[in-house]
Amino acid sequence: MARPVLIAGRIAAENRRARHDYFIVETFEAGVMLVGTEVKSLRAGKANLTESYAGPANGEIFLYNAYIPEYQAKIAFSHETRRPRKLLLHKRETVKILNAIAREGMTLVPLDIHFSERGLAKLSLGLAKGKKLHDKRAAEKERDWQREKSRVLRGRGD
């Protein structure tokens, strides 16, 4: 039987709310320690990152509260849906992130889970600062203006 073709960079789950609630200062790509049924659920595109967050524990970084549902095929050894998952980063990146969280009051926000060219599940993390309400309003106003401007230009171009 032929194996399915993997699409590099295919997003399995995305946290759309993150860019609305935070200023993303820097992004990192981390590997995720998963079990087999979690990978199968991710390939099916069933995961949810909206309430998840990343944080330090014992000098390492973990992904908390990410929802990866149980794999549909009834397997005797299934996984826990919201368990903490260890993130695999280079030591320099880990130290940089831990210092930014401790010293500068930054937050580590999961942006998306995608698959690399080799078919490995990767997590995009954003080192972020929280937006205030007026910042969110300004961003929404700018987005509305860009949308209106493109409508006007499209109308004149025809």
Protein backbone atom coordinates (compact mmCIF):
# COMPACT_ATOMS: atom_id res chain seq x y z
CA MET A 1 0.00 0.00 0.00
CA ALA A 2 1.34 3.46 -0.91
CA ARG A 3 2.11 5.91 1.88
CA PRO A 4 0.29 9.26 1.80
CA VAL A 5 2.30 12.16 0.44
CA LEU A 6 3.36 14.53 3.21
CA ILE A 7 3.03 18.22 2.51
CA ALA A 8 5.92 20.11 4.09
CA GLY A 9 4.84 23.05 6.19
CA ARG A 10 1.23 21.85 6.44
CA ILE A 11 -0.35 23.37 9.52
CA ALA A 12 -2.03 20.84 11.79
CA ALA A 13 -3.30 23.36 14.35
CA GLU A 14 -3.11 27.13 14.61
CA ASN A 15 -3.62 29.62 17.44
CA ARG A 16 -5.20 32.53 15.56
CA ARG A 17 -5.98 34.40 18.75
CA ALA A 18 -2.27 34.73 19.65
CA ARG A 19 -1.44 37.49 17.16
CA HIS A 20 -4.56 39.39 18.24
CA ASP A 21 -3.72 39.28 21.96
CA TYR A 22 0.08 39.65 21.82
CA PHE A 23 2.90 41.53 20.11
CA ILE A 24 5.15 38.73 18.82
CA VAL A 25 8.74 39.87 19.40
CA GLU A 26 10.58 36.74 18.25
CA THR A 27 9.61 33.30 16.97
CA PHE A 28 11.19 29.91 17.58
CA GLU A 29 10.62 26.49 16.07
CA ALA A 30 10.64 23.62 18.54
CA GLY A 31 10.25 19.89 18.22
CA VAL A 32 7.52 18.27 20.31
CA MET A 33 7.82 14.95 22.13
CA LEU A 34 4.69 13.07 21.04
CA VAL A 35 3.45 9.49 21.14
CA GLY A 36 2.28 7.72 17.97
CA THR A 37 -1.45 8.26 18.41
CA GLU A 38 -0.88 12.00 18.96
CA VAL A 39 0.94 12.26 15.63
CA LYS A 40 -1.91 10.43 13.88
CA SER A 41 -4.46 12.83 15.39
CA LEU A 42 -2.33 15.80 14.29
CA ARG A 43 -2.13 14.47 10.74
CA ALA A 44 -5.93 14.29 10.77
CA GLY A 45 -5.95 18.00 11.71
CA LYS A 46 -7.94 17.61 14.91
CA ALA A 47 -5.74 19.50 17.42
CA ASN A 48 -6.58 22.78 19.16
CA LEU A 49 -4.09 25.34 20.53
CA THR A 50 -6.42 28.17 21.56
CA GLU A 51 -6.15 27.65 25.34
CA SER A 52 -2.59 26.31 25.35
CA TYR A 53 0.54 27.97 26.67
CA ALA A 54 4.21 27.15 27.02
CA GLY A 55 6.28 27.55 30.14
CA PRO A 56 9.38 26.45 32.02
CA ALA A 57 9.64 23.49 34.37
CA ASN A 58 12.95 22.21 35.79
CA GLY A 59 15.04 24.20 33.29
CA GLU A 60 13.11 22.82 30.31
CA ILE A 61 10.15 24.16 28.35
CA PHE A 62 6.81 22.37 28.15
CA LEU A 63 3.60 22.86 26.20
CA TYR A 64 0.58 22.86 28.50
CA ASN A 65 -3.14 22.43 27.86
CA ALA A 66 -2.82 21.76 24.11
CA TYR A 67 -5.76 19.59 23.06
CA ILE A 68 -4.86 16.65 20.83
CA PRO A 69 -7.87 14.31 20.77
CA GLU A 70 -7.59 10.55 21.02
CA TYR A 71 -7.02 8.79 17.72
CA GLN A 72 -10.32 7.58 16.26
CA ALA A 73 -9.25 3.98 15.67
CA LYS A 74 -9.85 2.20 18.96
CA ILE A 75 -6.34 1.35 20.12
CA ALA A 76 -5.62 -0.18 23.51
CA PHE A 77 -2.80 2.31 24.23
CA SER A 78 -4.26 5.77 23.70
CA HIS A 79 -2.84 9.05 24.94
CA GLU A 80 -4.02 11.66 27.43
CA THR A 81 -5.58 14.58 25.54
CA ARG A 82 -4.23 17.56 27.54
CA ARG A 83 -0.98 16.24 29.02
CA PRO A 84 2.15 18.44 29.27
CA ARG A 85 4.43 17.85 26.27
CA LYS A 86 8.16 18.52 26.37
CA LEU A 87 9.49 20.92 23.74
CA LEU A 88 12.84 20.23 22.10
CA LEU A 89 14.95 23.35 21.67
CA HIS A 90 18.65 24.09 21.44
CA LYS A 91 20.24 24.95 24.78
CA ARG A 92 20.96 28.55 23.70
CA GLU A 93 17.34 29.06 22.68
CA THR A 94 16.10 27.61 25.96
CA VAL A 95 18.36 29.90 27.99
CA LYS A 96 17.34 32.93 25.91
CA ILE A 97 13.64 32.15 26.37
CA LEU A 98 13.96 31.47 30.11
CA ASN A 99 15.85 34.76 30.62
CA ALA A 100 13.27 36.74 28.64
CA ILE A 101 10.41 35.23 30.64
CA ALA A 102 12.11 35.83 34.00
CA ARG A 103 13.67 39.25 33.41
CA GLU A 104 11.50 41.04 30.88
CA GLY A 105 8.09 39.61 31.79
CA MET A 106 7.55 38.14 28.35
CA THR A 107 5.13 35.31 27.58
CA LEU A 108 5.78 32.21 25.50
CA VAL A 109 2.82 31.66 23.18
CA PRO A 110 2.30 28.63 20.88
CA LEU A 111 1.46 29.90 17.38
CA ASP A 112 0.96 26.70 15.38
CA ILE A 113 1.84 23.04 15.00
CA HIS A 114 3.07 22.08 11.55
CA PHE A 115 5.00 19.29 9.85
CA SER A 116 8.57 19.73 8.59
CA GLU A 117 9.91 18.44 5.26
CA ARG A 118 10.94 15.24 7.06
CA GLY A 119 7.44 14.74 8.43
CA LEU A 120 8.28 15.72 12.00
CA ALA A 121 5.77 17.68 14.10
CA LYS A 122 7.14 21.13 14.94
CA LEU A 123 5.69 23.88 17.14
CA SER A 124 6.11 27.55 16.32
CA LEU A 125 6.53 29.53 19.53
CA GLY A 126 6.32 33.27 19.87
CA LEU A 127 8.11 35.26 22.56
CA ALA A 128 5.46 37.90 23.15
CA LYS A 129 4.33 40.93 25.10
CA GLY A 130 0.65 41.30 25.92
CA LYS A 131 -1.41 43.92 24.06
CA LYS A 132 -3.50 46.44 25.94
CA LEU A 133 -7.08 47.13 24.88
CA HIS A 134 -6.14 50.34 23.02
CA ASP A 135 -3.46 48.41 21.08
CA LYS A 136 -6.06 45.86 19.98
CA ARG A 137 -8.40 48.66 18.88
CA ALA A 138 -5.62 50.34 16.88
CA ALA A 139 -4.74 47.05 15.17
CA GLU A 140 -8.40 46.43 14.31
CA LYS A 141 -8.75 49.97 12.96
CA GLU A 142 -5.64 49.52 10.78
CA ARG A 143 -6.91 46.17 9.49
CA ASP A 144 -10.32 47.69 8.62
CA TRP A 145 -8.62 50.60 6.84
CA GLN A 146 -6.46 48.24 4.75
CA ARG A 147 -9.55 46.20 3.81
CA GLU A 148 -11.50 49.35 2.84
CA LYS A 149 -8.54 50.73 0.87
CA SER A 150 -8.24 47.49 -1.13
CA ARG A 151 -11.98 47.58 -1.90
CA VAL A 152 -11.73 51.16 -3.18
CA LEU A 153 -8.66 50.42 -5.29
CA ARG A 154 -10.29 47.28 -6.71
CA GLY A 155 -13.39 49.33 -7.63
CA ARG A 156 -11.33 51.96 -9.51
CA GLY A 157 -9.11 49.42 -11.23
CA ASP A 158 -12.02 47.77 -13.08
